Amino acid sequence: MLQAVRETKKHSTPGEDKISYEMLQHLSKQSLVVLLLMYNKVWRDGVFPEAWRHSVIKPVLKYGKPQEKNSSYRPISLTCVLGKVMEKLVTNRL
């Protein structure tokens, strides 16, 4: 799990829960053990927390495009960092 946390972007925008990757990278070893226990429970039980499924879509203006046109924006999906770390753990296991 430490590898999954270390491989994340340090300055990525957090989701609605406001937990950032940087916060996870500064957790104590004891806190990381608790987090790993939670991830193992999610994996074992097969129950993905509902909050991890929710995302906030933010429009970001494309460089050099007019603000008045809808096509000038691209969507950015802000999801829960804890869920993204879990996804990374699953990907590494597969």
Protein backbone atom coordinates (compact mmCIF):
# COMPACT_ATOMS: atom_id res chain seq x y z
CA MET A 1 0.00 0.00 0.00
CA LEU A 2 2.89 2.37 0.67
CA GLN A 3 3.92 2.06 -2.96
CA ALA A 4 0.40 2.94 -4.14
CA VAL A 5 0.36 6.05 -1.94
CA ARG A 6 3.88 7.09 -2.98
CA GLU A 7 3.11 6.74 -6.71
CA THR A 8 0.29 9.26 -6.56
CA LYS A 9 0.46 12.87 -7.66
CA LYS A 10 1.24 15.12 -4.72
CA HIS A 11 -0.69 18.14 -5.95
CA SER A 12 -3.79 16.46 -7.37
CA THR A 13 -7.10 18.10 -6.49
CA PRO A 14 -9.06 16.12 -3.88
CA GLY A 15 -12.64 15.01 -4.29
CA GLU A 16 -15.65 16.06 -2.29
CA ASP A 17 -14.21 14.60 0.94
CA LYS A 18 -11.26 17.06 0.75
CA ILE A 19 -8.72 14.30 1.55
CA SER A 20 -5.60 14.84 -0.56
CA TYR A 21 -2.80 12.49 -1.59
CA GLU A 22 -0.41 14.68 0.36
CA MET A 23 -2.40 13.98 3.53
CA LEU A 24 -2.09 10.24 2.96
CA GLN A 25 1.64 10.55 2.33
CA HIS A 26 2.07 12.12 5.78
CA LEU A 27 0.14 9.48 7.73
CA SER A 28 1.96 7.63 10.49
CA LYS A 29 2.78 3.94 10.08
CA GLN A 30 0.02 3.09 12.54
CA SER A 31 -2.53 5.07 10.53
CA LEU A 32 -1.41 3.37 7.32
CA VAL A 33 -1.91 -0.03 8.98
CA VAL A 34 -5.48 0.96 9.89
CA LEU A 35 -6.06 2.17 6.32
CA LEU A 36 -4.69 -1.11 4.95
CA LEU A 37 -7.03 -3.06 7.25
CA MET A 38 -9.93 -1.04 5.84
CA TYR A 39 -8.83 -1.74 2.25
CA ASN A 40 -8.50 -5.45 3.00
CA LYS A 41 -12.03 -5.46 4.46
CA VAL A 42 -13.38 -3.76 1.34
CA TRP A 43 -11.54 -6.31 -0.82
CA ARG A 44 -12.67 -9.29 1.29
CA ASP A 45 -16.32 -8.21 1.64
CA GLY A 46 -16.65 -6.86 -1.89
CA VAL A 47 -18.46 -3.76 -0.65
CA PHE A 48 -17.12 -0.55 -2.19
CA PRO A 49 -18.18 2.46 -0.07
CA GLU A 50 -20.84 4.61 -1.74
CA ALA A 51 -18.86 7.82 -1.12
CA TRP A 52 -16.00 6.40 -3.22
CA ARG A 53 -18.34 6.03 -6.20
CA HIS A 54 -19.38 9.67 -6.21
CA SER A 55 -17.52 12.24 -8.27
CA VAL A 56 -17.80 15.96 -8.84
CA ILE A 57 -17.49 17.10 -12.45
CA LYS A 58 -15.79 20.46 -12.95
CA PRO A 59 -15.52 22.19 -16.34
CA VAL A 60 -12.04 23.45 -17.21
CA LEU A 61 -11.56 25.97 -20.01
CA LYS A 62 -9.29 24.72 -22.81
CA TYR A 63 -6.32 26.96 -23.53
CA GLY A 64 -7.05 29.67 -26.09
CA LYS A 65 -10.75 28.84 -26.41
CA PRO A 66 -13.64 31.30 -25.96
CA GLN A 67 -15.42 31.13 -22.61
CA GLU A 68 -18.84 31.56 -24.22
CA LYS A 69 -18.87 28.16 -25.98
CA ASN A 70 -19.67 24.92 -24.18
CA SER A 71 -17.26 23.08 -26.49
CA SER A 72 -14.41 25.18 -25.07
CA TYR A 73 -14.48 23.20 -21.83
CA ARG A 74 -13.30 19.75 -20.88
CA PRO A 75 -14.70 17.86 -17.89
CA ILE A 76 -12.54 16.99 -14.89
CA SER A 77 -13.88 14.33 -12.54
CA LEU A 78 -12.89 14.81 -8.90
CA THR A 79 -13.20 11.51 -7.06
CA CYS A 80 -12.33 10.35 -3.57
CA VAL A 81 -8.59 9.82 -3.06
CA LEU A 82 -9.21 6.81 -0.80
CA GLY A 83 -11.14 5.17 -3.63
CA LYS A 84 -8.42 5.94 -6.16
CA VAL A 85 -5.76 4.38 -3.93
CA MET A 86 -7.97 1.28 -3.60
CA GLU A 87 -8.26 1.13 -7.39
CA LYS A 88 -4.47 1.33 -7.67
CA LEU A 89 -4.09 -1.50 -5.14
CA VAL A 90 -6.52 -3.69 -7.10
CA THR A 91 -4.75 -2.90 -10.37
CA ASN A 92 -1.39 -3.87 -8.83
CA ARG A 93 -2.85 -7.13 -7.49
CA LEU A 94 -4.23 -8.05 -10.91
